[in-house]
């Protein structure tokens, strides 16, 4: 396989606003793994203005990929938040199961100031539109909440923008987390497997049981709770998010069923699921 690189485009830097700068640096690169901007990874409280900058950065990264002859495939890291916030929200009244066909409702995200979800939804849709228009072979990994510190000294906290609306996520059965090792393996499988296409929901655990919710809360806020939650809140929530598509890919990839021929990549159309 060719060379690949993990990219973390910071939407606040001039380079993210210049596609030709990315293209020049990637002349020998066959697959970039496009991650979230550093502000989201660090869990910073980013304002509404961050949304436009991230969308522009995503557009320019994909434009640069389209201009790079050596490019084989783009693995675009999106988020579960681009999937779960339908027009009806993500709370206990949710009935539909979120999967790769689901998209967060833009008007809903704006109304309730879900900037992380809005940025992820818009940037992914922008990337898909440009990829289809320019013939870029792209796969999207929609990741759950990453249970790892992005940098030393930056721990995961309840202030992470992914977690805005977390109680509704839990009540709706769509609060999902992912281990860094599983997320990394999913990216490698998405790059190397010839049959991949569209979007893949990537999560290690759906937080649907009281003990899982308590464990996550303790991770986000190490201080012990002042009191136990009311008993009527300690209930198992039906899981309403599924990642069967990625699970199938990971099983096939781990079993080594793929035969690498030519450049090793199947050239697919770019559906949204």
Protein backbone atom coordinates (compact mmCIF):
# COMPACT_ATOMS: atom_id res chain seq x y z
CA UNK A 1 0.00 0.00 0.00
CA UNK A 2 1.07 3.59 -0.38
CA UNK A 3 1.97 6.13 2.22
CA UNK A 4 -0.63 7.55 4.56
CA UNK A 5 -0.68 10.31 7.15
CA UNK A 6 -2.91 11.49 9.96
CA UNK A 7 -4.06 15.05 9.36
CA UNK A 8 -5.48 17.35 11.99
CA UNK A 9 -6.37 20.54 10.13
CA UNK A 10 -6.59 23.49 12.49
CA UNK A 11 -9.28 25.73 10.98
CA UNK A 12 -7.70 28.81 12.54
CA UNK A 13 -4.43 28.59 10.61
CA UNK A 14 -3.91 30.22 7.20
CA UNK A 15 -2.79 26.88 5.75
CA UNK A 16 -6.24 25.36 6.29
CA UNK A 17 -7.64 28.09 4.05
CA UNK A 18 -5.27 27.34 1.15
CA UNK A 19 -5.93 24.11 -0.78
CA UNK A 20 -2.77 24.47 -2.85
CA UNK A 21 -0.66 24.40 0.31
CA UNK A 22 -2.09 21.02 1.27
CA UNK A 23 -1.80 19.67 -2.26
CA UNK A 24 1.88 20.62 -2.49
CA UNK A 25 2.63 18.74 0.73
CA UNK A 26 0.76 15.60 -0.34
CA UNK A 27 2.29 14.84 -3.72
CA UNK A 28 3.55 11.44 -2.52
CA UNK A 29 0.69 10.72 -0.13
CA UNK A 30 -1.78 7.98 -1.02
CA UNK A 31 -4.22 8.25 1.89
CA UNK A 32 -4.78 11.05 4.39
CA UNK A 33 -6.71 10.32 7.58
CA UNK A 34 -8.57 13.61 8.07
CA UNK A 35 -9.32 14.19 11.77
CA UNK A 36 -11.23 16.82 13.69
CA UNK A 37 -9.67 20.23 14.34
CA UNK A 38 -7.64 20.50 17.51
CA UNK A 39 -10.23 22.64 19.27
CA UNK A 40 -12.79 19.80 19.23
CA UNK A 41 -10.22 17.15 20.14
CA UNK A 42 -9.08 19.16 23.14
CA UNK A 43 -12.66 19.61 24.33
CA UNK A 44 -12.50 23.38 24.18
CA UNK A 45 -15.69 25.41 24.30
CA UNK A 46 -15.75 26.58 20.71
CA UNK A 47 -18.14 29.32 19.60
CA UNK A 48 -20.55 29.31 16.70
CA UNK A 49 -17.89 30.96 14.53
CA UNK A 50 -15.87 27.74 14.65
CA UNK A 51 -18.49 26.00 12.52
CA UNK A 52 -17.80 28.01 9.35
CA UNK A 53 -14.04 27.65 9.78
CA UNK A 54 -14.26 23.87 10.12
CA UNK A 55 -16.48 23.58 7.06
CA UNK A 56 -14.04 25.68 5.05
CA UNK A 57 -11.11 23.58 6.25
CA UNK A 58 -12.90 20.35 5.27
CA UNK A 59 -13.65 21.77 1.82
CA UNK A 60 -10.06 22.80 1.23
CA UNK A 61 -8.60 19.51 2.44
CA UNK A 62 -10.83 17.59 0.01
CA UNK A 63 -10.02 20.03 -2.79
CA UNK A 64 -6.32 19.41 -2.17
CA UNK A 65 -6.92 15.65 -2.25
CA UNK A 66 -8.64 16.02 -5.62
CA UNK A 67 -5.56 17.82 -6.94
CA UNK A 68 -3.11 15.12 -5.75
CA UNK A 69 -2.39 12.45 -8.34
CA UNK A 70 -1.03 9.94 -5.85
CA UNK A 71 -4.16 10.00 -3.71
CA UNK A 72 -5.89 6.61 -3.46
CA UNK A 73 -8.49 7.16 -0.79
CA UNK A 74 -9.48 9.71 1.84
CA UNK A 75 -10.61 8.45 5.25
CA UNK A 76 -12.61 11.34 6.70
CA UNK A 77 -13.22 11.30 10.45
CA UNK A 78 -16.67 12.65 11.24
CA UNK A 79 -18.73 12.17 14.39
CA UNK A 80 -21.75 10.35 15.73
CA UNK A 81 -23.11 13.83 16.48
CA UNK A 82 -23.56 14.23 12.72
CA UNK A 83 -26.01 11.31 12.89
CA UNK A 84 -28.10 11.36 16.07
CA UNK A 85 -29.72 14.81 16.30
CA UNK A 86 -32.83 14.43 14.18
CA UNK A 87 -35.52 17.07 14.06
CA UNK A 88 -37.23 15.34 16.97
CA UNK A 89 -34.06 15.44 19.05
CA UNK A 90 -32.33 12.49 20.67
CA UNK A 91 -34.36 12.07 23.85
CA UNK A 92 -36.58 9.36 25.35
CA UNK A 93 -39.27 9.88 22.69
CA UNK A 94 -36.84 8.81 19.98
CA UNK A 95 -38.13 5.73 18.12
CA UNK A 96 -35.92 5.38 15.06
CA UNK A 97 -32.54 3.65 15.21
CA UNK A 98 -29.60 5.81 14.13
CA UNK A 99 -27.37 4.27 11.49
CA UNK A 100 -25.21 5.30 8.52
CA UNK A 101 -28.25 6.64 6.69
CA UNK A 102 -29.11 9.12 9.45
CA UNK A 103 -28.14 12.78 9.46
CA UNK A 104 -28.48 15.37 12.19
CA UNK A 105 -31.00 18.09 11.45
CA UNK A 106 -29.24 21.39 10.78
CA UNK A 107 -32.11 23.60 11.93
CA UNK A 108 -32.42 21.63 15.16
CA UNK A 109 -28.68 21.96 15.85
CA UNK A 110 -28.80 25.71 15.28
CA UNK A 111 -31.90 26.15 17.43
CA UNK A 112 -30.35 24.40 20.43
CA UNK A 113 -26.80 25.65 19.79
CA UNK A 114 -25.34 22.20 19.22
CA UNK A 115 -22.28 23.66 17.52
CA UNK A 116 -20.24 20.45 17.57
CA UNK A 117 -23.04 18.53 15.85
CA UNK A 118 -23.65 21.37 13.39
CA UNK A 119 -19.97 21.62 12.48
CA UNK A 120 -19.62 17.88 12.01
CA UNK A 121 -22.76 17.58 9.92
CA UNK A 122 -21.95 20.52 7.65
CA UNK A 123 -18.28 19.63 7.21
CA UNK A 124 -19.05 16.00 6.39
CA UNK A 125 -21.77 16.96 3.90
CA UNK A 126 -19.37 19.45 2.33
CA UNK A 127 -16.68 16.78 2.06
CA UNK A 128 -19.09 14.30 0.48
CA UNK A 129 -20.35 16.84 -2.04
CA UNK A 130 -16.83 17.76 -3.14
CA UNK A 131 -15.67 14.13 -3.18
CA UNK A 132 -18.51 13.11 -5.48
CA UNK A 133 -18.04 16.15 -7.69
CA UNK A 134 -14.28 15.65 -8.04
CA UNK A 135 -14.23 11.85 -8.10
CA UNK A 136 -12.34 11.41 -4.83
CA UNK A 137 -12.62 7.95 -3.26
CA UNK A 138 -13.73 8.85 0.26
CA UNK A 139 -14.91 6.91 3.29
CA UNK A 140 -16.29 8.55 6.44
CA UNK A 141 -15.81 7.20 9.96
CA UNK A 142 -18.46 8.64 12.28
CA UNK A 143 -16.84 8.22 15.68
CA UNK A 144 -18.39 8.23 19.13
CA UNK A 145 -16.97 10.15 22.07
CA UNK A 146 -13.26 9.35 22.14
CA UNK A 147 -12.24 8.01 25.56
CA UNK A 148 -8.69 9.28 25.46
CA UNK A 149 -6.87 12.51 26.17
CA UNK A 150 -5.89 14.18 22.85
CA UNK A 151 -2.69 15.53 24.39
CA UNK A 152 -0.87 15.05 27.71
CA UNK A 153 -2.60 17.08 30.41
CA UNK A 154 -5.84 17.42 28.44
CA UNK A 155 -8.30 15.05 30.05
CA UNK A 156 -11.85 14.32 28.97
CA UNK A 157 -14.36 16.45 30.88
CA UNK A 158 -18.09 17.07 30.90
CA UNK A 159 -17.40 20.38 29.14
CA UNK A 160 -16.45 18.60 25.91
CA UNK A 161 -18.67 20.03 23.14
CA UNK A 162 -19.59 16.50 22.00
CA UNK A 163 -21.45 16.06 25.30
CA UNK A 164 -23.81 19.01 24.98
CA UNK A 165 -27.20 17.38 25.27
CA UNK A 166 -25.74 14.22 26.84
CA UNK A 167 -28.83 13.53 29.02
CA UNK A 168 -30.97 13.47 25.88
CA UNK A 169 -28.42 11.22 24.17
CA UNK A 170 -28.63 8.78 27.08
CA UNK A 171 -32.44 8.86 27.21
CA UNK A 172 -32.54 8.27 23.47
CA UNK A 173 -30.13 5.33 23.59
CA UNK A 174 -27.59 7.05 21.31
CA UNK A 175 -24.83 8.07 23.75
CA UNK A 176 -21.85 6.22 22.30
CA UNK A 177 -18.14 6.11 23.15
CA UNK A 178 -15.14 4.70 21.33
CA UNK A 179 -11.72 3.45 22.46
CA UNK A 180 -8.77 4.95 20.65
CA UNK A 181 -7.41 1.54 19.59
CA UNK A 182 -10.68 0.50 17.97
CA UNK A 183 -10.97 3.84 16.22
CA UNK A 184 -7.44 3.52 14.84
CA UNK A 185 -8.11 -0.03 13.61
CA UNK A 186 -11.30 1.16 11.91
CA UNK A 187 -9.33 3.78 9.99
CA UNK A 188 -6.78 1.22 8.80
CA UNK A 189 -9.52 -1.19 7.74
CA UNK A 190 -11.35 1.59 5.89
CA UNK A 191 -8.15 2.41 4.00
CA UNK A 192 -7.02 -1.10 3.13
CA UNK A 193 -10.28 -2.96 2.48
CA UNK A 194 -11.36 -2.96 -1.18
CA UNK A 195 -15.12 -3.15 -0.52
CA UNK A 196 -15.61 -0.14 1.76
CA UNK A 197 -18.05 2.57 0.79
CA UNK A 198 -19.90 5.50 2.32
CA UNK A 199 -20.20 6.05 6.06
CA UNK A 200 -19.37 3.83 9.05
CA UNK A 201 -20.58 4.43 12.61
CA UNK A 202 -17.68 3.68 14.92
CA UNK A 203 -18.24 3.13 18.62
CA UNK A 204 -17.08 0.61 21.22
CA UNK A 205 -19.92 1.03 23.68
CA UNK A 206 -23.44 2.42 23.74
CA UNK A 207 -24.09 3.87 27.19
CA UNK A 208 -27.51 2.42 27.94
CA UNK A 209 -27.16 0.91 31.44
CA UNK A 210 -27.00 2.82 34.74
CA UNK A 211 -23.61 1.35 35.61
CA UNK A 212 -22.20 2.50 32.26
CA UNK A 213 -23.61 5.99 32.80
CA UNK A 214 -22.10 6.15 36.28
CA UNK A 215 -18.72 4.97 34.97
CA UNK A 216 -18.72 7.63 32.26
CA UNK A 217 -19.80 10.32 34.73
CA UNK A 218 -16.94 9.36 37.05
CA UNK A 219 -14.51 9.56 34.16
CA UNK A 220 -15.74 13.03 33.27
CA UNK A 221 -15.85 14.26 36.87
CA UNK A 222 -13.60 12.26 39.21
CA UNK A 223 -15.09 13.87 42.35
CA UNK A 224 -17.56 11.50 44.09
CA UNK A 225 -21.26 12.36 43.67
CA UNK A 226 -22.94 14.10 46.60
CA UNK A 227 -25.86 11.71 46.57
CA UNK A 228 -27.18 8.71 44.68
CA UNK A 229 -29.53 9.39 41.77
CA UNK A 230 -33.24 8.69 42.29
CA UNK A 231 -34.17 5.07 41.70
CA UNK A 232 -36.49 5.93 38.83
CA UNK A 233 -33.50 7.29 36.92
CA UNK A 234 -31.61 3.99 37.22
CA UNK A 235 -33.12 2.24 34.25
CA UNK A 236 -31.79 0.43 31.24
CA UNK A 237 -32.31 2.39 28.03
CA UNK A 238 -32.96 0.56 24.73
CA UNK A 239 -30.02 1.02 22.39
CA UNK A 240 -31.07 3.03 19.34
CA UNK A 241 -27.78 3.28 17.49
CA UNK A 242 -26.16 0.49 15.52
CA UNK A 243 -22.81 -0.06 13.84
CA UNK A 244 -23.41 -3.39 12.08
CA UNK A 245 -21.82 -2.11 8.91
CA UNK A 246 -18.49 -1.39 10.59
CA UNK A 247 -18.63 -4.58 12.65
CA UNK A 248 -18.94 -6.59 9.44
CA UNK A 249 -16.02 -4.70 7.90
CA UNK A 250 -13.82 -5.28 10.96
CA UNK A 251 -14.60 -9.01 11.03
CA UNK A 252 -13.76 -9.39 7.34
CA UNK A 253 -10.63 -7.31 7.71
CA UNK A 254 -9.42 -9.26 10.75
CA UNK A 255 -10.01 -12.59 8.98
CA UNK A 256 -7.83 -11.52 6.06
CA UNK A 257 -10.46 -12.31 3.43
CA UNK A 258 -9.31 -9.50 1.17
CA UNK A 259 -6.90 -10.21 -1.64
CA UNK A 260 -4.74 -7.24 -2.53
CA UNK A 261 -4.53 -6.79 -6.29
CA UNK A 262 -3.14 -3.85 -8.20
CA UNK A 263 -3.34 -0.84 -5.91
CA UNK A 264 -5.43 -2.86 -3.44
CA UNK A 265 -8.40 -0.54 -3.44
CA UNK A 266 -11.83 -1.07 -4.94
CA UNK A 267 -13.02 2.04 -6.73
CA UNK A 268 -16.52 2.67 -5.47
CA UNK A 269 -19.19 5.21 -6.05
CA UNK A 270 -19.73 7.51 -3.10
CA UNK A 271 -23.13 6.83 -1.55
CA UNK A 272 -24.11 8.43 1.76
CA UNK A 273 -24.51 5.15 3.61
